[in-house]
Amino acid sequence: RFDAFRKKRNLGAYERAGMASDGE
């Protein structure tokens, strides 16, 4: 789960805004 957040964080930090929800 932590590693899945690593991947999501990379997308949100480097590629696209709005990748994470408030719940995430």
mmCIF file of all heavy atoms, coordinates in Angstrom:
data_MODEL
# 
_entry.id   MODEL 
# 
loop_
_atom_site.group_PDB 
_atom_site.id 
_atom_site.type_symbol 
_atom_site.label_atom_id 
_atom_site.label_alt_id 
_atom_site.label_comp_id 
_atom_site.label_asym_id 
_atom_site.label_entity_id 
_atom_site.label_seq_id 
_atom_site.pdbx_PDB_ins_code 
_atom_site.Cartn_x 
_atom_site.Cartn_y 
_atom_site.Cartn_z 
_atom_site.occupancy 
_atom_site.B_iso_or_equiv 
_atom_site.pdbx_formal_charge 
_atom_site.auth_seq_id 
_atom_site.auth_comp_id 
_atom_site.auth_asym_id 
_atom_site.auth_atom_id 
_atom_site.pdbx_PDB_model_num 
ATOM 1   N N   . ARG A 1 1  ? 0.845   -1.204 0.000   1.00 0.00 ? 1  ARG A N   1 
ATOM 2   C CA  . ARG A 1 1  ? 0.000   0.000  0.000   1.00 0.00 ? 1  ARG A CA  1 
ATOM 3   C C   . ARG A 1 1  ? 0.878   1.251  0.000   1.00 0.00 ? 1  ARG A C   1 
ATOM 4   O O   . ARG A 1 1  ? 0.610   2.206  -0.731  1.00 0.00 ? 1  ARG A O   1 
ATOM 5   C CB  . ARG A 1 1  ? -0.947  -0.004 1.202   1.00 0.00 ? 1  ARG A CB  1 
ATOM 6   C CG  . ARG A 1 1  ? -1.946  1.123  1.178   1.00 0.00 ? 1  ARG A CG  1 
ATOM 7   C CD  . ARG A 1 1  ? -2.864  1.004  -0.020  1.00 0.00 ? 1  ARG A CD  1 
ATOM 8   N NE  . ARG A 1 1  ? -3.774  2.124  -0.065  1.00 0.00 ? 1  ARG A NE  1 
ATOM 9   C CZ  . ARG A 1 1  ? -4.146  2.736  -1.186  1.00 0.00 ? 1  ARG A CZ  1 
ATOM 10  N NH1 . ARG A 1 1  ? -3.714  2.305  -2.354  1.00 0.00 ? 1  ARG A NH1 1 
ATOM 11  N NH2 . ARG A 1 1  ? -4.962  3.748  -1.160  1.00 0.00 ? 1  ARG A NH2 1 
ATOM 12  N N   . PHE A 1 2  ? 1.921   1.246  0.808   1.00 0.00 ? 2  PHE A N   1 
ATOM 13  C CA  . PHE A 1 2  ? 2.867   2.364  0.851   1.00 0.00 ? 2  PHE A CA  1 
ATOM 14  C C   . PHE A 1 2  ? 3.490   2.546  -0.534  1.00 0.00 ? 2  PHE A C   1 
ATOM 15  O O   . PHE A 1 2  ? 3.593   3.670  -1.043  1.00 0.00 ? 2  PHE A O   1 
ATOM 16  C CB  . PHE A 1 2  ? 3.923   2.077  1.918   1.00 0.00 ? 2  PHE A CB  1 
ATOM 17  C CG  . PHE A 1 2  ? 4.874   3.205  2.246   1.00 0.00 ? 2  PHE A CG  1 
ATOM 18  C CD1 . PHE A 1 2  ? 4.790   4.474  1.680   1.00 0.00 ? 2  PHE A CD1 1 
ATOM 19  C CD2 . PHE A 1 2  ? 5.889   2.983  3.161   1.00 0.00 ? 2  PHE A CD2 1 
ATOM 20  C CE1 . PHE A 1 2  ? 5.678   5.482  2.009   1.00 0.00 ? 2  PHE A CE1 1 
ATOM 21  C CE2 . PHE A 1 2  ? 6.787   3.978  3.502   1.00 0.00 ? 2  PHE A CE2 1 
ATOM 22  C CZ  . PHE A 1 2  ? 6.684   5.226  2.916   1.00 0.00 ? 2  PHE A CZ  1 
ATOM 23  N N   . ASP A 1 3  ? 3.868   1.453  -1.189  1.00 0.00 ? 3  ASP A N   1 
ATOM 24  C CA  . ASP A 1 3  ? 4.465   1.550  -2.514  1.00 0.00 ? 3  ASP A CA  1 
ATOM 25  C C   . ASP A 1 3  ? 3.465   2.081  -3.544  1.00 0.00 ? 3  ASP A C   1 
ATOM 26  O O   . ASP A 1 3  ? 3.848   2.828  -4.450  1.00 0.00 ? 3  ASP A O   1 
ATOM 27  C CB  . ASP A 1 3  ? 5.038   0.203  -2.949  1.00 0.00 ? 3  ASP A CB  1 
ATOM 28  C CG  . ASP A 1 3  ? 5.952   0.350  -4.148  1.00 0.00 ? 3  ASP A CG  1 
ATOM 29  O OD1 . ASP A 1 3  ? 6.866   1.200  -4.096  1.00 0.00 ? 3  ASP A OD1 1 
ATOM 30  O OD2 . ASP A 1 3  ? 5.747   -0.356 -5.139  1.00 0.00 ? 3  ASP A OD2 1 
ATOM 31  N N   . ALA A 1 4  ? 2.194   1.726  -3.405  1.00 0.00 ? 4  ALA A N   1 
ATOM 32  C CA  . ALA A 1 4  ? 1.170   2.268  -4.309  1.00 0.00 ? 4  ALA A CA  1 
ATOM 33  C C   . ALA A 1 4  ? 1.073   3.788  -4.140  1.00 0.00 ? 4  ALA A C   1 
ATOM 34  O O   . ALA A 1 4  ? 0.914   4.528  -5.123  1.00 0.00 ? 4  ALA A O   1 
ATOM 35  C CB  . ALA A 1 4  ? -0.179  1.601  -4.049  1.00 0.00 ? 4  ALA A CB  1 
ATOM 36  N N   . PHE A 1 5  ? 1.198   4.258  -2.900  1.00 0.00 ? 5  PHE A N   1 
ATOM 37  C CA  . PHE A 1 5  ? 1.202   5.701  -2.665  1.00 0.00 ? 5  PHE A CA  1 
ATOM 38  C C   . PHE A 1 5  ? 2.450   6.348  -3.253  1.00 0.00 ? 5  PHE A C   1 
ATOM 39  O O   . PHE A 1 5  ? 2.412   7.492  -3.692  1.00 0.00 ? 5  PHE A O   1 
ATOM 40  C CB  . PHE A 1 5  ? 1.085   6.022  -1.177  1.00 0.00 ? 5  PHE A CB  1 
ATOM 41  C CG  . PHE A 1 5  ? -0.321  5.971  -0.659  1.00 0.00 ? 5  PHE A CG  1 
ATOM 42  C CD1 . PHE A 1 5  ? -0.651  5.141  0.404   1.00 0.00 ? 5  PHE A CD1 1 
ATOM 43  C CD2 . PHE A 1 5  ? -1.321  6.743  -1.223  1.00 0.00 ? 5  PHE A CD2 1 
ATOM 44  C CE1 . PHE A 1 5  ? -1.944  5.097  0.892   1.00 0.00 ? 5  PHE A CE1 1 
ATOM 45  C CE2 . PHE A 1 5  ? -2.616  6.706  -0.751  1.00 0.00 ? 5  PHE A CE2 1 
ATOM 46  C CZ  . PHE A 1 5  ? -2.932  5.873  0.315   1.00 0.00 ? 5  PHE A CZ  1 
ATOM 47  N N   . ARG A 1 6  ? 3.571   5.634  -3.271  1.00 0.00 ? 6  ARG A N   1 
ATOM 48  C CA  . ARG A 1 6  ? 4.786   6.164  -3.909  1.00 0.00 ? 6  ARG A CA  1 
ATOM 49  C C   . ARG A 1 6  ? 4.512   6.470  -5.374  1.00 0.00 ? 6  ARG A C   1 
ATOM 50  O O   . ARG A 1 6  ? 4.857   7.544  -5.882  1.00 0.00 ? 6  ARG A O   1 
ATOM 51  C CB  . ARG A 1 6  ? 5.933   5.144  -3.794  1.00 0.00 ? 6  ARG A CB  1 
ATOM 52  C CG  . ARG A 1 6  ? 7.210   5.541  -4.550  1.00 0.00 ? 6  ARG A CG  1 
ATOM 53  C CD  . ARG A 1 6  ? 8.259   4.437  -4.507  1.00 0.00 ? 6  ARG A CD  1 
ATOM 54  N NE  . ARG A 1 6  ? 7.850   3.218  -5.169  1.00 0.00 ? 6  ARG A NE  1 
ATOM 55  C CZ  . ARG A 1 6  ? 7.963   2.987  -6.488  1.00 0.00 ? 6  ARG A CZ  1 
ATOM 56  N NH1 . ARG A 1 6  ? 8.477   3.906  -7.292  1.00 0.00 ? 6  ARG A NH1 1 
ATOM 57  N NH2 . ARG A 1 6  ? 7.578   1.835  -6.998  1.00 0.00 ? 6  ARG A NH2 1 
ATOM 58  N N   . LYS A 1 7  ? 3.863   5.537  -6.041  1.00 0.00 ? 7  LYS A N   1 
ATOM 59  C CA  . LYS A 1 7  ? 3.560   5.724  -7.463  1.00 0.00 ? 7  LYS A CA  1 
ATOM 60  C C   . LYS A 1 7  ? 2.574   6.876  -7.675  1.00 0.00 ? 7  LYS A C   1 
ATOM 61  O O   . LYS A 1 7  ? 2.764   7.701  -8.581  1.00 0.00 ? 7  LYS A O   1 
ATOM 62  C CB  . LYS A 1 7  ? 3.005   4.421  -8.042  1.00 0.00 ? 7  LYS A CB  1 
ATOM 63  C CG  . LYS A 1 7  ? 4.027   3.312  -8.063  1.00 0.00 ? 7  LYS A CG  1 
ATOM 64  C CD  . LYS A 1 7  ? 3.405   1.977  -8.419  1.00 0.00 ? 7  LYS A CD  1 
ATOM 65  C CE  . LYS A 1 7  ? 4.415   0.861  -8.277  1.00 0.00 ? 7  LYS A CE  1 
ATOM 66  N NZ  . LYS A 1 7  ? 3.791   -0.456 -8.458  1.00 0.00 ? 7  LYS A NZ  1 
ATOM 67  N N   . LYS A 1 8  ? 1.556   6.956  -6.840  1.00 0.00 ? 8  LYS A N   1 
ATOM 68  C CA  . LYS A 1 8  ? 0.574   8.039  -6.954  1.00 0.00 ? 8  LYS A CA  1 
ATOM 69  C C   . LYS A 1 8  ? 1.226   9.382  -6.671  1.00 0.00 ? 8  LYS A C   1 
ATOM 70  O O   . LYS A 1 8  ? 0.983   10.359 -7.366  1.00 0.00 ? 8  LYS A O   1 
ATOM 71  C CB  . LYS A 1 8  ? -0.595  7.814  -6.007  1.00 0.00 ? 8  LYS A CB  1 
ATOM 72  C CG  . LYS A 1 8  ? -1.658  8.915  -6.133  1.00 0.00 ? 8  LYS A CG  1 
ATOM 73  C CD  . LYS A 1 8  ? -2.965  8.523  -5.538  1.00 0.00 ? 8  LYS A CD  1 
ATOM 74  C CE  . LYS A 1 8  ? -3.732  7.587  -6.394  1.00 0.00 ? 8  LYS A CE  1 
ATOM 75  N NZ  . LYS A 1 8  ? -4.548  8.200  -7.425  1.00 0.00 ? 8  LYS A NZ  1 
ATOM 76  N N   . ARG A 1 9  ? 2.079   9.426  -5.657  1.00 0.00 ? 9  ARG A N   1 
ATOM 77  C CA  . ARG A 1 9  ? 2.776   10.665 -5.315  1.00 0.00 ? 9  ARG A CA  1 
ATOM 78  C C   . ARG A 1 9  ? 3.656   11.123 -6.474  1.00 0.00 ? 9  ARG A C   1 
ATOM 79  O O   . ARG A 1 9  ? 3.708   12.298 -6.796  1.00 0.00 ? 9  ARG A O   1 
ATOM 80  C CB  . ARG A 1 9  ? 3.614   10.451 -4.056  1.00 0.00 ? 9  ARG A CB  1 
ATOM 81  C CG  . ARG A 1 9  ? 4.459   11.653 -3.682  1.00 0.00 ? 9  ARG A CG  1 
ATOM 82  C CD  . ARG A 1 9  ? 5.877   11.168 -3.610  1.00 0.00 ? 9  ARG A CD  1 
ATOM 83  N NE  . ARG A 1 9  ? 6.782   12.269 -3.467  1.00 0.00 ? 9  ARG A NE  1 
ATOM 84  C CZ  . ARG A 1 9  ? 7.911   12.361 -4.156  1.00 0.00 ? 9  ARG A CZ  1 
ATOM 85  N NH1 . ARG A 1 9  ? 8.249   11.457 -5.028  1.00 0.00 ? 9  ARG A NH1 1 
ATOM 86  N NH2 . ARG A 1 9  ? 8.701   13.365 -3.961  1.00 0.00 ? 9  ARG A NH2 1 
ATOM 87  N N   . ASN A 1 10 ? 4.329   10.187 -7.143  1.00 0.00 ? 10 ASN A N   1 
ATOM 88  C CA  . ASN A 1 10 ? 5.162   10.551 -8.280  1.00 0.00 ? 10 ASN A CA  1 
ATOM 89  C C   . ASN A 1 10 ? 4.335   11.179 -9.398  1.00 0.00 ? 10 ASN A C   1 
ATOM 90  O O   . ASN A 1 10 ? 4.741   12.185 -9.993  1.00 0.00 ? 10 ASN A O   1 
ATOM 91  C CB  . ASN A 1 10 ? 5.920   9.338  -8.817  1.00 0.00 ? 10 ASN A CB  1 
ATOM 92  C CG  . ASN A 1 10 ? 7.079   8.943  -7.939  1.00 0.00 ? 10 ASN A CG  1 
ATOM 93  O OD1 . ASN A 1 10 ? 7.478   9.670  -7.039  1.00 0.00 ? 10 ASN A OD1 1 
ATOM 94  N ND2 . ASN A 1 10 ? 7.603   7.759  -8.170  1.00 0.00 ? 10 ASN A ND2 1 
ATOM 95  N N   . LEU A 1 11 ? 3.187   10.610 -9.682  1.00 0.00 ? 11 LEU A N   1 
ATOM 96  C CA  . LEU A 1 11 ? 2.316   11.181 -10.718 1.00 0.00 ? 11 LEU A CA  1 
ATOM 97  C C   . LEU A 1 11 ? 1.868   12.589 -10.342 1.00 0.00 ? 11 LEU A C   1 
ATOM 98  O O   . LEU A 1 11 ? 1.914   13.506 -11.157 1.00 0.00 ? 11 LEU A O   1 
ATOM 99  C CB  . LEU A 1 11 ? 1.093   10.290 -10.946 1.00 0.00 ? 11 LEU A CB  1 
ATOM 100 C CG  . LEU A 1 11 ? 1.332   8.992  -11.696 1.00 0.00 ? 11 LEU A CG  1 
ATOM 101 C CD1 . LEU A 1 11 ? 0.056   8.145  -11.684 1.00 0.00 ? 11 LEU A CD1 1 
ATOM 102 C CD2 . LEU A 1 11 ? 1.780   9.262  -13.114 1.00 0.00 ? 11 LEU A CD2 1 
ATOM 103 N N   . GLY A 1 12 ? 1.420   12.745 -9.096  1.00 0.00 ? 12 GLY A N   1 
ATOM 104 C CA  . GLY A 1 12 ? 0.926   14.047 -8.644  1.00 0.00 ? 12 GLY A CA  1 
ATOM 105 C C   . GLY A 1 12 ? 2.015   15.094 -8.515  1.00 0.00 ? 12 GLY A C   1 
ATOM 106 O O   . GLY A 1 12 ? 1.763   16.287 -8.688  1.00 0.00 ? 12 GLY A O   1 
ATOM 107 N N   . ALA A 1 13 ? 3.225   14.665 -8.203  1.00 0.00 ? 13 ALA A N   1 
ATOM 108 C CA  . ALA A 1 13 ? 4.316   15.619 -8.013  1.00 0.00 ? 13 ALA A CA  1 
ATOM 109 C C   . ALA A 1 13 ? 4.983   16.012 -9.318  1.00 0.00 ? 13 ALA A C   1 
ATOM 110 O O   . ALA A 1 13 ? 5.483   17.133 -9.440  1.00 0.00 ? 13 ALA A O   1 
ATOM 111 C CB  . ALA A 1 13 ? 5.359   15.027 -7.061  1.00 0.00 ? 13 ALA A CB  1 
ATOM 112 N N   . TYR A 1 14 ? 4.989   15.110 -10.305 1.00 0.00 ? 14 TYR A N   1 
ATOM 113 C CA  . TYR A 1 14 ? 5.788   15.350 -11.499 1.00 0.00 ? 14 TYR A CA  1 
ATOM 114 C C   . TYR A 1 14 ? 5.012   15.399 -12.809 1.00 0.00 ? 14 TYR A C   1 
ATOM 115 O O   . TYR A 1 14 ? 5.527   15.914 -13.787 1.00 0.00 ? 14 TYR A O   1 
ATOM 116 C CB  . TYR A 1 14 ? 6.876   14.259 -11.630 1.00 0.00 ? 14 TYR A CB  1 
ATOM 117 C CG  . TYR A 1 14 ? 7.799   14.199 -10.445 1.00 0.00 ? 14 TYR A CG  1 
ATOM 118 C CD1 . TYR A 1 14 ? 7.847   13.073 -9.641  1.00 0.00 ? 14 TYR A CD1 1 
ATOM 119 C CD2 . TYR A 1 14 ? 8.614   15.271 -10.114 1.00 0.00 ? 14 TYR A CD2 1 
ATOM 120 C CE1 . TYR A 1 14 ? 8.693   13.010 -8.552  1.00 0.00 ? 14 TYR A CE1 1 
ATOM 121 C CE2 . TYR A 1 14 ? 9.458   15.215 -9.027  1.00 0.00 ? 14 TYR A CE2 1 
ATOM 122 C CZ  . TYR A 1 14 ? 9.497   14.081 -8.249  1.00 0.00 ? 14 TYR A CZ  1 
ATOM 123 O OH  . TYR A 1 14 ? 10.337  14.025 -7.172  1.00 0.00 ? 14 TYR A OH  1 
ATOM 124 N N   . GLU A 1 15 ? 3.803   14.853 -12.838 1.00 0.00 ? 15 GLU A N   1 
ATOM 125 C CA  . GLU A 1 15 ? 3.143   14.730 -14.133 1.00 0.00 ? 15 GLU A CA  1 
ATOM 126 C C   . GLU A 1 15 ? 1.792   15.414 -14.257 1.00 0.00 ? 15 GLU A C   1 
ATOM 127 O O   . GLU A 1 15 ? 1.504   15.999 -15.284 1.00 0.00 ? 15 GLU A O   1 
ATOM 128 C CB  . GLU A 1 15 ? 2.990   13.241 -14.486 1.00 0.00 ? 15 GLU A CB  1 
ATOM 129 C CG  . GLU A 1 15 ? 4.320   12.552 -14.670 1.00 0.00 ? 15 GLU A CG  1 
ATOM 130 C CD  . GLU A 1 15 ? 4.173   11.092 -15.049 1.00 0.00 ? 15 GLU A CD  1 
ATOM 131 O OE1 . GLU A 1 15 ? 3.117   10.722 -15.612 1.00 0.00 ? 15 GLU A OE1 1 
ATOM 132 O OE2 . GLU A 1 15 ? 5.104   10.329 -14.783 1.00 0.00 ? 15 GLU A OE2 1 
ATOM 133 N N   . ARG A 1 16 ? 0.968   15.311 -13.205 1.00 0.00 ? 16 ARG A N   1 
ATOM 134 C CA  . ARG A 1 16 ? -0.398  15.780 -13.351 1.00 0.00 ? 16 ARG A CA  1 
ATOM 135 C C   . ARG A 1 16 ? -0.966  16.230 -12.019 1.00 0.00 ? 16 ARG A C   1 
ATOM 136 O O   . ARG A 1 16 ? -0.803  15.545 -11.014 1.00 0.00 ? 16 ARG A O   1 
ATOM 137 C CB  . ARG A 1 16 ? -1.258  14.611 -13.855 1.00 0.00 ? 16 ARG A CB  1 
ATOM 138 C CG  . ARG A 1 16 ? -2.136  14.943 -14.981 1.00 0.00 ? 16 ARG A CG  1 
ATOM 139 C CD  . ARG A 1 16 ? -2.896  13.751 -15.503 1.00 0.00 ? 16 ARG A CD  1 
ATOM 140 N NE  . ARG A 1 16 ? -2.525  12.492 -14.891 1.00 0.00 ? 16 ARG A NE  1 
ATOM 141 C CZ  . ARG A 1 16 ? -2.833  11.313 -15.367 1.00 0.00 ? 16 ARG A CZ  1 
ATOM 142 N NH1 . ARG A 1 16 ? -3.518  11.232 -16.467 1.00 0.00 ? 16 ARG A NH1 1 
ATOM 143 N NH2 . ARG A 1 16 ? -2.488  10.213 -14.758 1.00 0.00 ? 16 ARG A NH2 1 
ATOM 144 N N   . ALA A 1 17 ? -1.658  17.340 -12.015 1.00 0.00 ? 17 ALA A N   1 
ATOM 145 C CA  . ALA A 1 17 ? -2.320  17.819 -10.805 1.00 0.00 ? 17 ALA A CA  1 
ATOM 146 C C   . ALA A 1 17 ? -3.651  17.093 -10.626 1.00 0.00 ? 17 ALA A C   1 
ATOM 147 O O   . ALA A 1 17 ? -4.257  16.628 -11.589 1.00 0.00 ? 17 ALA A O   1 
ATOM 148 C CB  . ALA A 1 17 ? -2.560  19.323 -10.899 1.00 0.00 ? 17 ALA A CB  1 
ATOM 149 N N   . GLY A 1 18 ? -4.087  17.005 -9.386  1.00 0.00 ? 18 GLY A N   1 
ATOM 150 C CA  . GLY A 1 18 ? -5.387  16.420 -9.100  1.00 0.00 ? 18 GLY A CA  1 
ATOM 151 C C   . GLY A 1 18 ? -5.407  14.904 -9.066  1.00 0.00 ? 18 GLY A C   1 
ATOM 152 O O   . GLY A 1 18 ? -6.465  14.294 -9.201  1.00 0.00 ? 18 GLY A O   1 
ATOM 153 N N   . MET A 1 19 ? -4.261  14.281 -8.843  1.00 0.00 ? 19 MET A N   1 
ATOM 154 C CA  . MET A 1 19 ? -4.179  12.821 -8.846  1.00 0.00 ? 19 MET A CA  1 
ATOM 155 C C   . MET A 1 19 ? -4.712  12.196 -7.560  1.00 0.00 ? 19 MET A C   1 
ATOM 156 O O   . MET A 1 19 ? -5.192  11.080 -7.565  1.00 0.00 ? 19 MET A O   1 
ATOM 157 C CB  . MET A 1 19 ? -2.733  12.365 -9.053  1.00 0.00 ? 19 MET A CB  1 
ATOM 158 C CG  . MET A 1 19 ? -2.196  12.631 -10.437 1.00 0.00 ? 19 MET A CG  1 
ATOM 159 S SD  . MET A 1 19 ? -3.113  11.775 -11.724 1.00 0.00 ? 19 MET A SD  1 
ATOM 160 C CE  . MET A 1 19 ? -2.873  10.080 -11.249 1.00 0.00 ? 19 MET A CE  1 
ATOM 161 N N   . ALA A 1 20 ? -4.612  12.908 -6.459  1.00 0.00 ? 20 ALA A N   1 
ATOM 162 C CA  . ALA A 1 20 ? -5.002  12.340 -5.161  1.00 0.00 ? 20 ALA A CA  1 
ATOM 163 C C   . ALA A 1 20 ? -6.334  12.916 -4.696  1.00 0.00 ? 20 ALA A C   1 
ATOM 164 O O   . ALA A 1 20 ? -6.625  14.090 -4.901  1.00 0.00 ? 20 ALA A O   1 
ATOM 165 C CB  . ALA A 1 20 ? -3.929  12.636 -4.121  1.00 0.00 ? 20 ALA A CB  1 
ATOM 166 N N   . SER A 1 21 ? -7.104  12.078 -4.048  1.00 0.00 ? 21 SER A N   1 
ATOM 167 C CA  . SER A 1 21 ? -8.355  12.528 -3.437  1.00 0.00 ? 21 SER A CA  1 
ATOM 168 C C   . SER A 1 21 ? -8.092  12.901 -1.980  1.00 0.00 ? 21 SER A C   1 
ATOM 169 O O   . SER A 1 21 ? -7.048  12.549 -1.415  1.00 0.00 ? 21 SER A O   1 
ATOM 170 C CB  . SER A 1 21 ? -9.397  11.402 -3.488  1.00 0.00 ? 21 SER A CB  1 
ATOM 171 O OG  . SER A 1 21 ? -9.005  10.340 -2.622  1.00 0.00 ? 21 SER A OG  1 
ATOM 172 N N   . ASP A 1 22 ? -9.047  13.587 -1.366  1.00 0.00 ? 22 ASP A N   1 
ATOM 173 C CA  . ASP A 1 22 ? -8.923  13.901 0.054   1.00 0.00 ? 22 ASP A CA  1 
ATOM 174 C C   . ASP A 1 22 ? -8.814  12.619 0.875   1.00 0.00 ? 22 ASP A C   1 
ATOM 175 O O   . ASP A 1 22 ? -8.040  12.544 1.824   1.00 0.00 ? 22 ASP A O   1 
ATOM 176 C CB  . ASP A 1 22 ? -10.122 14.729 0.525   1.00 0.00 ? 22 ASP A CB  1 
ATOM 177 C CG  . ASP A 1 22 ? -10.077 16.160 0.041   1.00 0.00 ? 22 ASP A CG  1 
ATOM 178 O OD1 . ASP A 1 22 ? -8.974  16.680 -0.213  1.00 0.00 ? 22 ASP A OD1 1 
ATOM 179 O OD2 . ASP A 1 22 ? -11.159 16.771 -0.081  1.00 0.00 ? 22 ASP A OD2 1 
ATOM 180 N N   . GLY A 1 23 ? -9.591  11.603 0.490   1.00 0.00 ? 23 GLY A N   1 
ATOM 181 C CA  . GLY A 1 23 ? -9.539  10.324 1.197   1.00 0.00 ? 23 GLY A CA  1 
ATOM 182 C C   . GLY A 1 23 ? -8.174  9.664  1.106   1.00 0.00 ? 23 GLY A C   1 
ATOM 183 O O   . GLY A 1 23 ? -7.678  9.090  2.087   1.00 0.00 ? 23 GLY A O   1 
ATOM 184 N N   . GLU A 1 24 ? -7.565  9.717  -0.059  1.00 0.00 ? 24 GLU A N   1 
ATOM 185 C CA  . GLU A 1 24 ? -6.226  9.137  -0.216  1.00 0.00 ? 24 GLU A CA  1 
ATOM 186 C C   . GLU A 1 24 ? -5.195  9.903  0.596   1.00 0.00 ? 24 GLU A C   1 
ATOM 187 O O   . GLU A 1 24 ? -4.294  9.300  1.195   1.00 0.00 ? 24 GLU A O   1 
ATOM 188 C CB  . GLU A 1 24 ? -5.825  9.116  -1.691  1.00 0.00 ? 24 GLU A CB  1 
ATOM 189 C CG  . GLU A 1 24 ? -6.589  8.095  -2.494  1.00 0.00 ? 24 GLU A CG  1 
ATOM 190 C CD  . GLU A 1 24 ? -6.399  8.254  -3.979  1.00 0.00 ? 24 GLU A CD  1 
ATOM 191 O OE1 . GLU A 1 24 ? -6.320  9.403  -4.474  1.00 0.00 ? 24 GLU A OE1 1 
ATOM 192 O OE2 . GLU A 1 24 ? -6.330  7.206  -4.661  1.00 0.00 ? 24 GLU A OE2 1 
# 
